[in-house]
Amino acid sequence: MSRPHKDEIGLVTLEEMKAYLGIDGKHLDEQIASFIGLAKEIVEKVLRFPLSRFEGVIPFTANETIKFVVASYYANRELINAPQIEKTAAVMLSGIRNNVF
């Protein structure tokens, strides 16, 4: 089954991310929200342009990369390998990133 090229309007929400991670309750909301913000910054850095360029319709690949970054930071929050996470994000986003700044 093929996935759609575009995800729903907007970025991954806190509730979507908590469901993705299998987290119930509100005790980690602040941390997960922080990871979402960080993931957005990493994705924009890798893309070499702001997500706002997509005018509200975020490509599926970008949203999945945000989920990957958040899940990686959450799962490895004691010992985060940020360079490796960024390298993986760059591979995931290679089809939609700018080649130059």
Protein backbone atom coordinates (compact mmCIF):
# COMPACT_ATOMS: atom_id res chain seq x y z
CA MET A 1 0.00 0.00 0.00
CA SER A 2 1.55 3.30 -1.04
CA ARG A 3 1.54 6.31 1.25
CA PRO A 4 0.22 9.68 0.09
CA HIS A 5 2.84 12.24 -0.90
CA LYS A 6 1.27 14.91 1.31
CA ASP A 7 0.25 14.50 4.93
CA GLU A 8 -2.62 16.39 6.51
CA ILE A 9 -2.43 20.16 6.83
CA GLY A 10 0.11 21.26 9.43
CA LEU A 11 2.88 19.76 11.45
CA VAL A 12 2.72 16.74 13.70
CA THR A 13 0.69 17.64 16.79
CA LEU A 14 1.51 16.81 20.39
CA GLU A 15 -1.40 14.36 20.53
CA GLU A 16 -0.29 12.61 17.32
CA MET A 17 3.25 12.33 18.63
CA LYS A 18 2.13 10.94 21.98
CA ALA A 19 0.03 8.31 20.19
CA TYR A 20 3.00 7.48 17.93
CA LEU A 21 5.19 7.01 21.02
CA GLY A 22 2.50 5.15 22.97
CA ILE A 23 2.41 7.75 25.74
CA ASP A 24 -0.72 8.32 27.84
CA GLY A 25 -1.33 11.18 30.23
CA LYS A 26 0.14 14.65 30.34
CA HIS A 27 3.27 14.13 32.44
CA LEU A 28 5.61 14.25 29.40
CA ASP A 29 3.74 16.87 27.35
CA GLU A 30 6.32 19.61 27.89
CA GLN A 31 9.23 17.35 26.96
CA ILE A 32 7.51 15.95 23.86
CA ALA A 33 6.47 19.46 22.73
CA SER A 34 10.08 20.56 23.14
CA PHE A 35 11.27 17.62 21.05
CA ILE A 36 8.73 18.51 18.33
CA GLY A 37 10.12 22.07 18.19
CA LEU A 38 13.67 20.73 18.04
CA ALA A 39 12.72 18.26 15.30
CA LYS A 40 11.15 21.08 13.25
CA GLU A 41 14.41 23.06 13.52
CA ILE A 42 16.45 20.03 12.46
CA VAL A 43 14.16 19.36 9.49
CA GLU A 44 14.37 23.01 8.38
CA LYS A 45 18.16 22.92 8.72
CA VAL A 46 18.37 19.78 6.61
CA LEU A 47 15.88 21.09 4.01
CA ARG A 48 17.70 24.42 3.88
CA PHE A 49 14.41 26.29 3.94
CA PRO A 50 11.56 26.87 6.42
CA LEU A 51 8.59 24.50 6.53
CA SER A 52 6.36 27.54 5.99
CA ARG A 53 7.40 27.37 2.33
CA PHE A 54 4.99 24.43 2.01
CA GLU A 55 2.12 26.85 2.79
CA GLY A 56 0.46 24.63 5.40
CA VAL A 57 0.61 21.32 3.54
CA ILE A 58 3.62 19.49 4.96
CA PRO A 59 4.98 16.65 2.80
CA PHE A 60 4.51 13.20 4.28
CA THR A 61 8.29 12.71 4.30
CA ALA A 62 8.86 15.83 6.38
CA ASN A 63 6.25 14.82 8.96
CA GLU A 64 7.66 11.29 9.15
CA THR A 65 11.14 12.75 9.65
CA ILE A 66 9.84 14.93 12.47
CA LYS A 67 8.34 11.81 14.08
CA PHE A 68 11.64 9.95 13.65
CA VAL A 69 13.64 12.77 15.26
CA VAL A 70 11.22 13.10 18.19
CA ALA A 71 11.14 9.32 18.73
CA SER A 72 14.94 9.15 18.59
CA TYR A 73 15.36 11.95 21.11
CA TYR A 74 12.69 10.46 23.37
CA ALA A 75 14.06 6.89 23.24
CA ASN A 76 17.66 8.01 23.73
CA ARG A 77 17.16 11.03 25.98
CA GLU A 78 19.87 9.84 28.36
CA LEU A 79 22.51 9.54 25.61
CA ILE A 80 21.47 11.40 22.43
CA ASN A 81 23.57 10.99 19.27
CA ALA A 82 22.48 14.23 17.58
CA PRO A 83 24.90 14.00 14.62
CA GLN A 84 23.63 10.55 13.69
CA ILE A 85 20.00 11.64 14.02
CA GLU A 86 20.70 14.60 11.69
CA LYS A 87 22.47 12.34 9.15
CA THR A 88 19.49 10.00 9.10
CA ALA A 89 17.10 12.95 8.75
CA ALA A 90 19.17 14.20 5.79
CA VAL A 91 18.81 10.82 4.06
CA MET A 92 15.06 10.75 4.77
CA LEU A 93 14.61 14.26 3.34
CA SER A 94 17.01 13.93 0.38
CA GLY A 95 14.18 13.92 -2.16
CA ILE A 96 12.77 17.28 -1.09
CA ARG A 97 15.74 19.25 0.24
CA ASN A 98 17.47 22.13 -1.52
CA ASN A 99 20.86 21.25 -2.94
CA VAL A 100 22.20 24.69 -2.09
CA PHE A 101 21.45 27.32 0.52
